[in-house]
């Protein structure tokens, strides 16, 4: 029953709500899992731990720090994305419009009519795809996404390269099999 009425919600709404709850539960568990390994921002930005690595330790630093600070790098990339959305208002509005159009079309009740013509499912999705691509072309979405990914990757890799991980890579041998005991 819908509170305050004598109506029962239809099965389709119940199924949609169930999928939404299941999806939200997955997002929440993924977020909790990733934030569990979040390092303190004091440790992340500790100025005493930054230095220019030698050639032999640079790869080891990047490999270690990308895994160790993974959750912090996700948040940094998210903040860069928010910055790009706020500074490119037209792109942000186009994302909202496109998302609403796709959501509305997917969750429509009954057929869609354009004038006197009924639009089939394939025609509707084709129209949405063409409209989405056209709108993203007009708002330079490809360059925005490219710069977003480039800046986020650059910031994260430079931090991982310059941050001392607490493990000494300077004495690492060139031979990867030196750590295996001989029989």
N, C-alpha and C. Protein backbone atom coordinates (compact mmCIF):
# COMPACT_ATOMS: atom_id res chain seq x y z
N UNK A 1 0.83 -1.19 0.00
CA UNK A 1 0.00 0.00 0.00
C UNK A 1 0.87 1.25 0.00
N UNK A 2 0.40 2.23 -0.72
CA UNK A 2 1.06 3.53 -0.70
C UNK A 2 0.52 4.28 0.50
N UNK A 3 1.40 4.78 1.39
CA UNK A 3 0.92 5.45 2.61
C UNK A 3 -0.03 6.59 2.29
N UNK A 4 -1.14 6.65 3.02
CA UNK A 4 -2.12 7.71 2.86
C UNK A 4 -3.13 7.47 1.75
N UNK A 5 -3.02 6.33 1.04
CA UNK A 5 -3.96 6.02 -0.04
C UNK A 5 -4.38 4.57 0.07
N UNK A 6 -5.35 4.22 -0.76
CA UNK A 6 -5.78 2.83 -0.84
C UNK A 6 -5.15 2.13 -2.04
N UNK A 7 -4.15 2.77 -2.67
CA UNK A 7 -3.55 2.23 -3.88
C UNK A 7 -2.38 1.30 -3.55
N UNK A 8 -2.23 0.32 -4.40
CA UNK A 8 -1.08 -0.57 -4.31
C UNK A 8 -0.11 -0.17 -5.43
N UNK A 9 1.20 -0.10 -5.15
CA UNK A 9 2.15 0.19 -6.22
C UNK A 9 2.17 -0.97 -7.20
N UNK A 10 2.34 -0.64 -8.49
CA UNK A 10 2.34 -1.72 -9.46
C UNK A 10 3.67 -2.48 -9.41
N UNK A 11 3.64 -3.68 -9.98
CA UNK A 11 4.79 -4.59 -9.90
C UNK A 11 6.03 -3.98 -10.56
N UNK A 12 5.82 -3.24 -11.64
CA UNK A 12 6.96 -2.65 -12.35
C UNK A 12 7.69 -1.65 -11.46
N UNK A 13 6.93 -0.84 -10.71
CA UNK A 13 7.57 0.11 -9.79
C UNK A 13 8.31 -0.61 -8.68
N UNK A 14 7.75 -1.69 -8.18
CA UNK A 14 8.41 -2.46 -7.13
C UNK A 14 9.71 -3.07 -7.65
N UNK A 15 9.68 -3.59 -8.87
CA UNK A 15 10.89 -4.19 -9.46
C UNK A 15 11.96 -3.12 -9.68
N UNK A 16 11.54 -1.95 -10.17
CA UNK A 16 12.49 -0.85 -10.40
C UNK A 16 13.10 -0.41 -9.08
N UNK A 17 12.28 -0.30 -8.04
CA UNK A 17 12.77 0.09 -6.72
C UNK A 17 13.73 -0.96 -6.17
N UNK A 18 13.43 -2.24 -6.40
CA UNK A 18 14.32 -3.32 -5.96
C UNK A 18 15.67 -3.25 -6.66
N UNK A 19 15.67 -2.98 -7.97
CA UNK A 19 16.93 -2.84 -8.71
C UNK A 19 17.71 -1.63 -8.21
N UNK A 20 16.99 -0.54 -7.92
CA UNK A 20 17.63 0.66 -7.42
C UNK A 20 18.28 0.40 -6.07
N UNK A 21 17.57 -0.29 -5.18
CA UNK A 21 18.13 -0.61 -3.86
C UNK A 21 19.34 -1.54 -3.98
N UNK A 22 19.25 -2.52 -4.89
CA UNK A 22 20.37 -3.44 -5.08
C UNK A 22 21.59 -2.70 -5.63
N UNK A 23 21.36 -1.82 -6.60
CA UNK A 23 22.46 -1.03 -7.17
C UNK A 23 23.07 -0.09 -6.14
N UNK A 24 22.21 0.55 -5.34
CA UNK A 24 22.69 1.44 -4.30
C UNK A 24 23.49 0.67 -3.26
N UNK A 25 23.05 -0.54 -2.93
CA UNK A 25 23.78 -1.37 -1.99
C UNK A 25 25.17 -1.73 -2.51
N UNK A 26 25.26 -2.02 -3.81
CA UNK A 26 26.56 -2.34 -4.41
C UNK A 26 27.47 -1.12 -4.37
N UNK A 27 26.93 0.05 -4.71
CA UNK A 27 27.74 1.28 -4.68
C UNK A 27 28.22 1.57 -3.27
N UNK A 28 27.32 1.41 -2.30
CA UNK A 28 27.68 1.67 -0.90
C UNK A 28 28.77 0.70 -0.41
N UNK A 29 28.66 -0.57 -0.75
CA UNK A 29 29.68 -1.53 -0.30
C UNK A 29 31.01 -1.27 -1.00
N UNK A 30 30.97 -0.91 -2.30
CA UNK A 30 32.21 -0.57 -3.02
C UNK A 30 32.87 0.64 -2.38
N UNK A 31 32.07 1.68 -2.08
CA UNK A 31 32.60 2.90 -1.45
C UNK A 31 33.21 2.57 -0.09
N UNK A 32 32.49 1.79 0.72
CA UNK A 32 32.99 1.44 2.05
C UNK A 32 34.28 0.64 1.96
N UNK A 33 34.36 -0.26 0.98
CA UNK A 33 35.56 -1.07 0.79
C UNK A 33 36.75 -0.20 0.39
N UNK A 34 36.52 0.76 -0.52
CA UNK A 34 37.62 1.62 -0.97
C UNK A 34 38.03 2.62 0.11
N UNK A 35 37.07 3.18 0.83
CA UNK A 35 37.40 4.17 1.86
C UNK A 35 38.03 3.53 3.09
N UNK A 36 37.87 2.22 3.22
CA UNK A 36 38.49 1.51 4.33
C UNK A 36 40.01 1.61 4.24
N UNK A 37 40.54 1.65 3.02
CA UNK A 37 41.99 1.72 2.83
C UNK A 37 42.48 3.16 2.61
N UNK A 38 41.64 4.14 2.90
CA UNK A 38 42.02 5.54 2.76
C UNK A 38 43.11 5.89 3.77
N UNK A 39 44.18 6.45 3.29
CA UNK A 39 45.29 6.87 4.17
C UNK A 39 45.01 8.29 4.64
N UNK A 40 45.59 8.66 5.75
CA UNK A 40 45.36 10.01 6.27
C UNK A 40 45.96 11.03 5.30
N UNK A 41 45.30 12.18 5.26
CA UNK A 41 45.78 13.22 4.34
C UNK A 41 47.09 13.81 4.84
N UNK A 42 47.33 13.75 6.15
CA UNK A 42 48.62 14.18 6.69
C UNK A 42 49.75 13.31 6.16
N UNK A 43 49.51 12.01 6.11
CA UNK A 43 50.51 11.09 5.55
C UNK A 43 50.64 11.29 4.04
N UNK A 44 49.53 11.53 3.38
CA UNK A 44 49.52 11.70 1.92
C UNK A 44 50.31 12.94 1.51
N UNK A 45 50.18 14.03 2.29
CA UNK A 45 50.83 15.30 1.93
C UNK A 45 52.05 15.60 2.79
N UNK A 46 52.63 14.63 3.48
CA UNK A 46 53.80 14.85 4.34
C UNK A 46 54.97 15.35 3.50
N UNK A 47 55.30 16.64 3.65
CA UNK A 47 56.32 17.28 2.82
C UNK A 47 57.71 16.69 3.04
N UNK A 48 57.96 16.10 4.20
CA UNK A 48 59.27 15.52 4.49
C UNK A 48 59.51 14.24 3.69
N UNK A 49 58.47 13.66 3.15
CA UNK A 49 58.58 12.38 2.45
C UNK A 49 58.70 12.54 0.93
N UNK A 50 58.83 13.77 0.44
CA UNK A 50 58.94 13.98 -1.00
C UNK A 50 60.38 14.24 -1.39
N UNK A 51 60.82 13.56 -2.43
CA UNK A 51 62.17 13.76 -2.98
C UNK A 51 62.19 13.25 -4.41
N UNK A 52 63.21 13.63 -5.13
CA UNK A 52 63.36 13.16 -6.50
C UNK A 52 64.05 11.80 -6.45
N UNK A 53 63.42 10.77 -6.99
CA UNK A 53 64.01 9.43 -6.91
C UNK A 53 65.10 9.22 -7.96
N UNK A 54 65.95 8.25 -7.68
CA UNK A 54 66.93 7.84 -8.70
C UNK A 54 66.20 6.99 -9.74
N UNK A 55 66.86 6.74 -10.84
CA UNK A 55 66.24 5.93 -11.90
C UNK A 55 65.87 4.53 -11.40
N UNK A 56 66.72 3.97 -10.54
CA UNK A 56 66.48 2.60 -10.09
C UNK A 56 65.30 2.49 -9.12
N UNK A 57 64.99 3.56 -8.40
CA UNK A 57 63.90 3.47 -7.45
C UNK A 57 62.60 4.11 -7.92
N UNK A 58 62.59 4.80 -9.05
CA UNK A 58 61.40 5.51 -9.51
C UNK A 58 60.24 4.55 -9.79
N UNK A 59 60.49 3.48 -10.53
CA UNK A 59 59.42 2.53 -10.85
C UNK A 59 58.88 1.87 -9.59
N UNK A 60 59.76 1.52 -8.67
CA UNK A 60 59.33 0.90 -7.42
C UNK A 60 58.45 1.83 -6.59
N UNK A 61 58.82 3.12 -6.56
CA UNK A 61 58.00 4.09 -5.84
C UNK A 61 56.60 4.19 -6.44
N UNK A 62 56.55 4.34 -7.76
CA UNK A 62 55.25 4.50 -8.42
C UNK A 62 54.40 3.26 -8.19
N UNK A 63 54.97 2.08 -8.36
CA UNK A 63 54.22 0.84 -8.17
C UNK A 63 53.70 0.72 -6.74
N UNK A 64 54.55 0.98 -5.78
CA UNK A 64 54.14 0.87 -4.38
C UNK A 64 53.10 1.91 -4.01
N UNK A 65 53.36 3.18 -4.35
CA UNK A 65 52.47 4.26 -3.93
C UNK A 65 51.11 4.21 -4.61
N UNK A 66 51.05 3.77 -5.86
CA UNK A 66 49.75 3.67 -6.53
C UNK A 66 48.86 2.66 -5.82
N UNK A 67 49.44 1.59 -5.33
CA UNK A 67 48.65 0.62 -4.57
C UNK A 67 48.36 1.10 -3.16
N UNK A 68 49.34 1.71 -2.52
CA UNK A 68 49.21 2.13 -1.13
C UNK A 68 48.23 3.29 -0.97
N UNK A 69 48.30 4.27 -1.87
CA UNK A 69 47.43 5.45 -1.79
C UNK A 69 46.27 5.40 -2.78
N UNK A 70 45.87 4.21 -3.20
CA UNK A 70 44.83 4.04 -4.23
C UNK A 70 43.56 4.83 -3.90
N UNK A 71 43.05 4.73 -2.70
CA UNK A 71 41.82 5.42 -2.32
C UNK A 71 42.01 6.93 -2.33
N UNK A 72 43.15 7.39 -1.90
CA UNK A 72 43.43 8.82 -1.93
C UNK A 72 43.47 9.33 -3.37
N UNK A 73 44.06 8.53 -4.27
CA UNK A 73 44.11 8.94 -5.67
C UNK A 73 42.72 8.96 -6.30
N UNK A 74 41.84 8.05 -5.88
CA UNK A 74 40.45 8.09 -6.37
C UNK A 74 39.77 9.39 -5.96
N UNK A 75 39.98 9.81 -4.73
CA UNK A 75 39.38 11.06 -4.26
C UNK A 75 39.98 12.26 -4.98
N UNK A 76 41.28 12.24 -5.22
CA UNK A 76 41.92 13.33 -5.97
C UNK A 76 41.34 13.40 -7.38
N UNK A 77 41.18 12.25 -8.04
CA UNK A 77 40.61 12.23 -9.39
C UNK A 77 39.16 12.72 -9.37
N UNK A 78 38.41 12.35 -8.33
CA UNK A 78 37.03 12.82 -8.19
C UNK A 78 36.99 14.34 -8.02
N UNK A 79 37.89 14.89 -7.22
CA UNK A 79 37.93 16.34 -7.03
C UNK A 79 38.33 17.07 -8.31
N UNK A 80 39.24 16.49 -9.08
CA UNK A 80 39.59 17.07 -10.38
C UNK A 80 38.37 17.06 -11.30
N UNK A 81 37.60 15.97 -11.28
CA UNK A 81 36.39 15.88 -12.11
C UNK A 81 35.37 16.94 -11.69
N UNK A 82 35.19 17.13 -10.39
CA UNK A 82 34.26 18.16 -9.90
C UNK A 82 34.73 19.54 -10.36
N UNK A 83 36.03 19.79 -10.27
CA UNK A 83 36.58 21.07 -10.73
C UNK A 83 36.27 21.29 -12.21
N UNK A 84 36.49 20.27 -13.04
CA UNK A 84 36.23 20.40 -14.47
C UNK A 84 34.75 20.62 -14.76
N UNK A 85 33.87 19.98 -14.01
CA UNK A 85 32.43 20.18 -14.21
C UNK A 85 32.02 21.59 -13.81
N UNK A 86 32.55 22.09 -12.71
CA UNK A 86 32.17 23.42 -12.24
C UNK A 86 32.70 24.50 -13.18
N UNK A 87 33.89 24.30 -13.73
CA UNK A 87 34.47 25.31 -14.62
C UNK A 87 33.94 25.21 -16.05
N UNK A 88 33.29 24.10 -16.39
CA UNK A 88 32.72 23.95 -17.73
C UNK A 88 31.21 23.73 -17.57
N UNK A 89 30.51 24.83 -17.29
CA UNK A 89 29.08 24.77 -16.97
C UNK A 89 28.27 24.17 -18.11
N UNK A 90 28.59 24.52 -19.35
CA UNK A 90 27.84 24.00 -20.49
C UNK A 90 27.94 22.47 -20.57
N UNK A 91 29.12 21.94 -20.30
CA UNK A 91 29.30 20.49 -20.29
C UNK A 91 28.50 19.85 -19.15
N UNK A 92 28.50 20.48 -17.98
CA UNK A 92 27.75 19.95 -16.84
C UNK A 92 26.25 19.94 -17.14
N UNK A 93 25.75 21.02 -17.73
CA UNK A 93 24.33 21.09 -18.08
C UNK A 93 24.00 20.03 -19.13
N UNK A 94 24.88 19.82 -20.09
CA UNK A 94 24.62 18.80 -21.12
C UNK A 94 24.60 17.40 -20.52
N UNK A 95 25.45 17.13 -19.53
CA UNK A 95 25.42 15.82 -18.87
C UNK A 95 24.10 15.63 -18.13
N UNK A 96 23.63 16.67 -17.46
CA UNK A 96 22.35 16.58 -16.75
C UNK A 96 21.20 16.35 -17.72
N UNK A 97 21.17 17.10 -18.83
CA UNK A 97 20.10 16.97 -19.82
C UNK A 97 20.12 15.58 -20.45
N UNK A 98 21.29 15.11 -20.84
CA UNK A 98 21.40 13.79 -21.48
C UNK A 98 21.01 12.69 -20.49
N UNK A 99 21.46 12.80 -19.26
CA UNK A 99 21.11 11.79 -18.26
C UNK A 99 19.61 11.74 -18.03
N UNK A 100 18.98 12.91 -17.94
CA UNK A 100 17.54 12.95 -17.74
C UNK A 100 16.80 12.39 -18.95
N UNK A 101 17.27 12.70 -20.15
CA UNK A 101 16.61 12.19 -21.36
C UNK A 101 16.69 10.67 -21.43
N UNK A 102 17.86 10.11 -21.16
CA UNK A 102 18.01 8.66 -21.19
C UNK A 102 17.18 8.00 -20.09
N UNK A 103 17.20 8.57 -18.90
CA UNK A 103 16.42 8.01 -17.79
C UNK A 103 14.93 8.06 -18.10
N UNK A 104 14.47 9.18 -18.61
CA UNK A 104 13.04 9.33 -18.92
C UNK A 104 12.60 8.37 -20.01
N UNK A 105 13.43 8.23 -21.04
CA UNK A 105 13.05 7.34 -22.14
C UNK A 105 13.05 5.88 -21.67
N UNK A 106 14.03 5.53 -20.90
CA UNK A 106 14.12 4.14 -20.44
C UNK A 106 12.97 3.78 -19.49
N UNK A 107 12.51 4.73 -18.70
CA UNK A 107 11.46 4.46 -17.72
C UNK A 107 10.10 4.98 -18.16
N UNK A 108 9.89 5.12 -19.45
CA UNK A 108 8.61 5.64 -19.95
C UNK A 108 7.51 4.61 -19.73
N UNK A 109 6.31 5.10 -19.68
CA UNK A 109 5.14 4.23 -19.57
C UNK A 109 4.38 4.36 -20.89
N UNK A 110 4.48 3.35 -21.71
CA UNK A 110 3.77 3.37 -22.99
C UNK A 110 4.63 3.90 -24.11
N UNK A 111 4.06 3.94 -25.31
CA UNK A 111 4.82 4.37 -26.49
C UNK A 111 5.04 5.88 -26.50
N UNK A 112 6.06 6.29 -27.25
CA UNK A 112 6.37 7.70 -27.41
C UNK A 112 5.85 8.14 -28.78
N UNK A 113 5.22 9.31 -28.83
CA UNK A 113 4.67 9.85 -30.08
C UNK A 113 5.36 11.16 -30.40
N UNK A 114 5.79 11.29 -31.64
CA UNK A 114 6.31 12.54 -32.16
C UNK A 114 5.31 13.01 -33.21
N UNK A 115 4.52 13.97 -32.86
CA UNK A 115 3.44 14.38 -33.77
C UNK A 115 2.42 13.26 -33.86
N UNK A 116 2.16 12.80 -35.07
CA UNK A 116 1.22 11.70 -35.29
C UNK A 116 1.93 10.36 -35.42
N UNK A 117 3.24 10.34 -35.31
CA UNK A 117 4.01 9.12 -35.53
C UNK A 117 4.44 8.50 -34.21
N UNK A 118 4.25 7.19 -34.12
CA UNK A 118 4.71 6.48 -32.94
C UNK A 118 6.17 6.07 -33.16
N UNK A 119 7.00 6.36 -32.16
CA UNK A 119 8.43 6.08 -32.25
C UNK A 119 8.67 4.69 -31.66
N UNK A 120 9.35 3.82 -32.44
CA UNK A 120 9.67 2.48 -31.93
C UNK A 120 10.85 2.57 -30.96
N UNK A 121 11.10 1.48 -30.25
CA UNK A 121 12.20 1.46 -29.28
C UNK A 121 13.55 1.71 -29.91
N UNK A 122 13.80 1.07 -31.05
CA UNK A 122 15.08 1.24 -31.74
C UNK A 122 15.24 2.67 -32.23
N UNK A 123 14.18 3.23 -32.78
CA UNK A 123 14.24 4.61 -33.27
C UNK A 123 14.49 5.58 -32.11
N UNK A 124 13.86 5.33 -30.99
CA UNK A 124 14.05 6.20 -29.83
C UNK A 124 15.48 6.16 -29.33
N UNK A 125 16.03 4.95 -29.20
CA UNK A 125 17.42 4.84 -28.75
C UNK A 125 18.40 5.41 -29.77
N UNK A 126 18.12 5.25 -31.04
CA UNK A 126 18.97 5.83 -32.08
C UNK A 126 18.92 7.35 -32.00
N UNK A 127 17.72 7.90 -31.82
CA UNK A 127 17.59 9.35 -31.69
C UNK A 127 18.32 9.88 -30.46
N UNK A 128 18.21 9.17 -29.34
CA UNK A 128 18.92 9.58 -28.13
C UNK A 128 20.43 9.51 -28.32
N UNK A 129 20.90 8.47 -28.99
CA UNK A 129 22.34 8.33 -29.23
C UNK A 129 22.85 9.46 -30.10
N UNK A 130 22.15 9.75 -31.19
CA UNK A 130 22.56 10.83 -32.09
C UNK A 130 22.51 12.17 -31.35
N UNK A 131 21.45 12.40 -30.59
CA UNK A 131 21.34 13.64 -29.82
C UNK A 131 22.44 13.78 -28.79
N UNK A 132 22.76 12.68 -28.11
CA UNK A 132 23.84 12.70 -27.11
C UNK A 132 25.17 13.02 -27.75
N UNK A 133 25.48 12.35 -28.86
CA UNK A 133 26.76 12.60 -29.55
C UNK A 133 26.84 14.03 -30.06
N UNK A 134 25.73 14.52 -30.62
CA UNK A 134 25.70 15.90 -31.12
C UNK A 134 25.90 16.90 -29.99
N UNK A 135 25.21 16.71 -28.89
CA UNK A 135 25.33 17.62 -27.75
C UNK A 135 26.74 17.57 -27.16
N UNK A 136 27.31 16.39 -27.04
CA UNK A 136 28.67 16.29 -26.53
C UNK A 136 29.69 16.87 -27.50
N UNK A 137 29.43 16.76 -28.79
CA UNK A 137 30.31 17.39 -29.78
C UNK A 137 30.26 18.91 -29.64
N UNK A 138 29.06 19.45 -29.49
CA UNK A 138 28.90 20.90 -29.38
C UNK A 138 29.50 21.46 -28.10
N UNK A 139 29.56 20.66 -27.05
CA UNK A 139 30.13 21.12 -25.78
C UNK A 139 31.58 20.68 -25.59
N UNK A 140 32.19 20.15 -26.62
CA UNK A 140 33.60 19.70 -26.58
C UNK A 140 33.83 18.69 -25.46
N UNK A 141 32.94 17.72 -25.36
CA UNK A 141 33.04 16.73 -24.29
C UNK A 141 34.29 15.88 -24.41
N UNK A 142 34.68 15.54 -25.64
CA UNK A 142 35.85 14.67 -25.79
C UNK A 142 37.11 15.35 -25.26
N UNK A 143 37.28 16.64 -25.53
CA UNK A 143 38.47 17.32 -25.02
C UNK A 143 38.38 17.49 -23.51
N UNK A 144 37.18 17.72 -22.99
CA UNK A 144 37.02 17.86 -21.54
C UNK A 144 37.36 16.56 -20.84
N UNK A 145 36.86 15.45 -21.35
CA UNK A 145 37.15 14.14 -20.75
C UNK A 145 38.64 13.81 -20.89
N UNK A 146 39.21 14.11 -22.05
CA UNK A 146 40.64 13.87 -22.27
C UNK A 146 41.47 14.64 -21.24
N UNK A 147 41.20 15.94 -21.08
CA UNK A 147 41.98 16.74 -20.13
C UNK A 147 41.72 16.33 -18.70
N UNK A 148 40.51 15.93 -18.41
CA UNK A 148 40.19 15.44 -17.07
C UNK A 148 41.04 14.22 -16.73
N UNK A 149 41.05 13.24 -17.63
CA UNK A 149 41.83 12.02 -17.40
C UNK A 149 43.33 12.31 -17.37
N UNK A 150 43.79 13.18 -18.26
CA UNK A 150 45.21 13.51 -18.33
C UNK A 150 45.68 14.20 -17.05
N UNK A 151 44.93 15.19 -16.60
CA UNK A 151 45.33 15.93 -15.40
C UNK A 151 45.28 15.02 -14.17
N UNK A 152 44.22 14.24 -14.03
CA UNK A 152 44.10 13.35 -12.88
C UNK A 152 45.25 12.33 -12.86
N UNK A 153 45.54 11.73 -14.02
CA UNK A 153 46.63 10.75 -14.09
C UNK A 153 47.97 11.41 -13.80
N UNK A 154 48.19 12.60 -14.35
CA UNK A 154 49.46 13.30 -14.14
C UNK A 154 49.68 13.61 -12.66
N UNK A 155 48.66 14.15 -12.01
CA UNK A 155 48.78 14.50 -10.59
C UNK A 155 49.07 13.26 -9.75
N UNK A 156 48.35 12.18 -10.02
CA UNK A 156 48.53 10.95 -9.23
C UNK A 156 49.89 10.32 -9.48
N UNK A 157 50.34 10.26 -10.72
CA UNK A 157 51.63 9.63 -11.02
C UNK A 157 52.79 10.47 -10.50
N UNK A 158 52.70 11.80 -10.60
CA UNK A 158 53.77 12.65 -10.07
C UNK A 158 53.86 12.50 -8.56
N UNK A 159 52.71 12.44 -7.88
CA UNK A 159 52.74 12.23 -6.43
C UNK A 159 53.36 10.87 -6.11
N UNK A 160 52.94 9.83 -6.83
CA UNK A 160 53.46 8.48 -6.58
C UNK A 160 54.96 8.42 -6.86
N UNK A 161 55.43 9.16 -7.85
CA UNK A 161 56.84 9.18 -8.23
C UNK A 161 57.69 9.91 -7.18
N UNK A 162 57.17 11.01 -6.65
CA UNK A 162 57.97 11.84 -5.75
C UNK A 162 57.85 11.44 -4.28
N UNK A 163 56.81 10.72 -3.91
CA UNK A 163 56.57 10.37 -2.50
C UNK A 163 57.40 9.15 -2.12
N UNK A 164 58.19 9.28 -1.08
CA UNK A 164 58.98 8.15 -0.58
C UNK A 164 58.03 7.16 0.10
N UNK A 165 58.06 5.90 -0.29
CA UNK A 165 57.09 4.94 0.24
C UNK A 165 57.43 4.33 1.58
N UNK A 166 58.61 4.54 2.12
CA UNK A 166 58.98 3.89 3.37
C UNK A 166 59.68 2.56 3.13
N UNK A 167 59.81 2.17 1.87
CA UNK A 167 60.54 0.96 1.48
C UNK A 167 61.74 1.41 0.68
N UNK A 168 62.92 0.86 0.97
CA UNK A 168 64.14 1.28 0.27
C UNK A 168 64.28 0.50 -1.02
N UNK A 169 64.17 1.21 -2.15
CA UNK A 169 64.34 0.59 -3.46
C UNK A 169 65.74 0.84 -4.02
N UNK A 170 66.57 1.60 -3.31
CA UNK A 170 67.87 1.97 -3.86
C UNK A 170 68.82 0.79 -3.96
N UNK A 171 68.68 -0.20 -3.07
CA UNK A 171 69.55 -1.36 -3.12
C UNK A 171 69.00 -2.48 -3.97
N UNK A 172 67.97 -2.19 -4.73
CA UNK A 172 67.34 -3.22 -5.55
C UNK A 172 68.29 -3.64 -6.66
N UNK A 173 68.31 -4.91 -6.90
CA UNK A 173 69.17 -5.46 -7.93
C UNK A 173 68.49 -5.36 -9.29
N UNK A 174 69.29 -5.35 -10.32
CA UNK A 174 68.74 -5.34 -11.67
C UNK A 174 68.15 -6.70 -12.04
N UNK A 175 68.62 -7.77 -11.39
CA UNK A 175 68.14 -9.11 -11.67
C UNK A 175 66.94 -9.42 -10.79
N UNK A 176 65.75 -9.65 -11.38
CA UNK A 176 64.56 -9.89 -10.55
C UNK A 176 64.59 -11.23 -9.83
N UNK A 177 65.51 -12.13 -10.19
CA UNK A 177 65.56 -13.45 -9.58
C UNK A 177 66.54 -13.52 -8.41
N UNK A 178 67.17 -12.40 -8.05
CA UNK A 178 68.12 -12.40 -6.93
C UNK A 178 67.45 -12.68 -5.60
N UNK A 179 66.17 -12.35 -5.47
CA UNK A 179 65.48 -12.56 -4.19
C UNK A 179 65.04 -14.00 -4.00
N UNK A 180 65.13 -14.85 -5.02
CA UNK A 180 64.74 -16.25 -4.91
C UNK A 180 65.92 -17.04 -4.35
N UNK A 181 65.73 -17.76 -3.24
CA UNK A 181 66.85 -18.52 -2.67
C UNK A 181 67.27 -19.65 -3.62
N UNK A 182 68.57 -19.88 -3.68
CA UNK A 182 69.08 -20.96 -4.53
C UNK A 182 69.01 -22.28 -3.76
N UNK A 183 68.85 -23.34 -4.52
CA UNK A 183 68.69 -24.67 -3.93
C UNK A 183 70.00 -25.42 -3.99
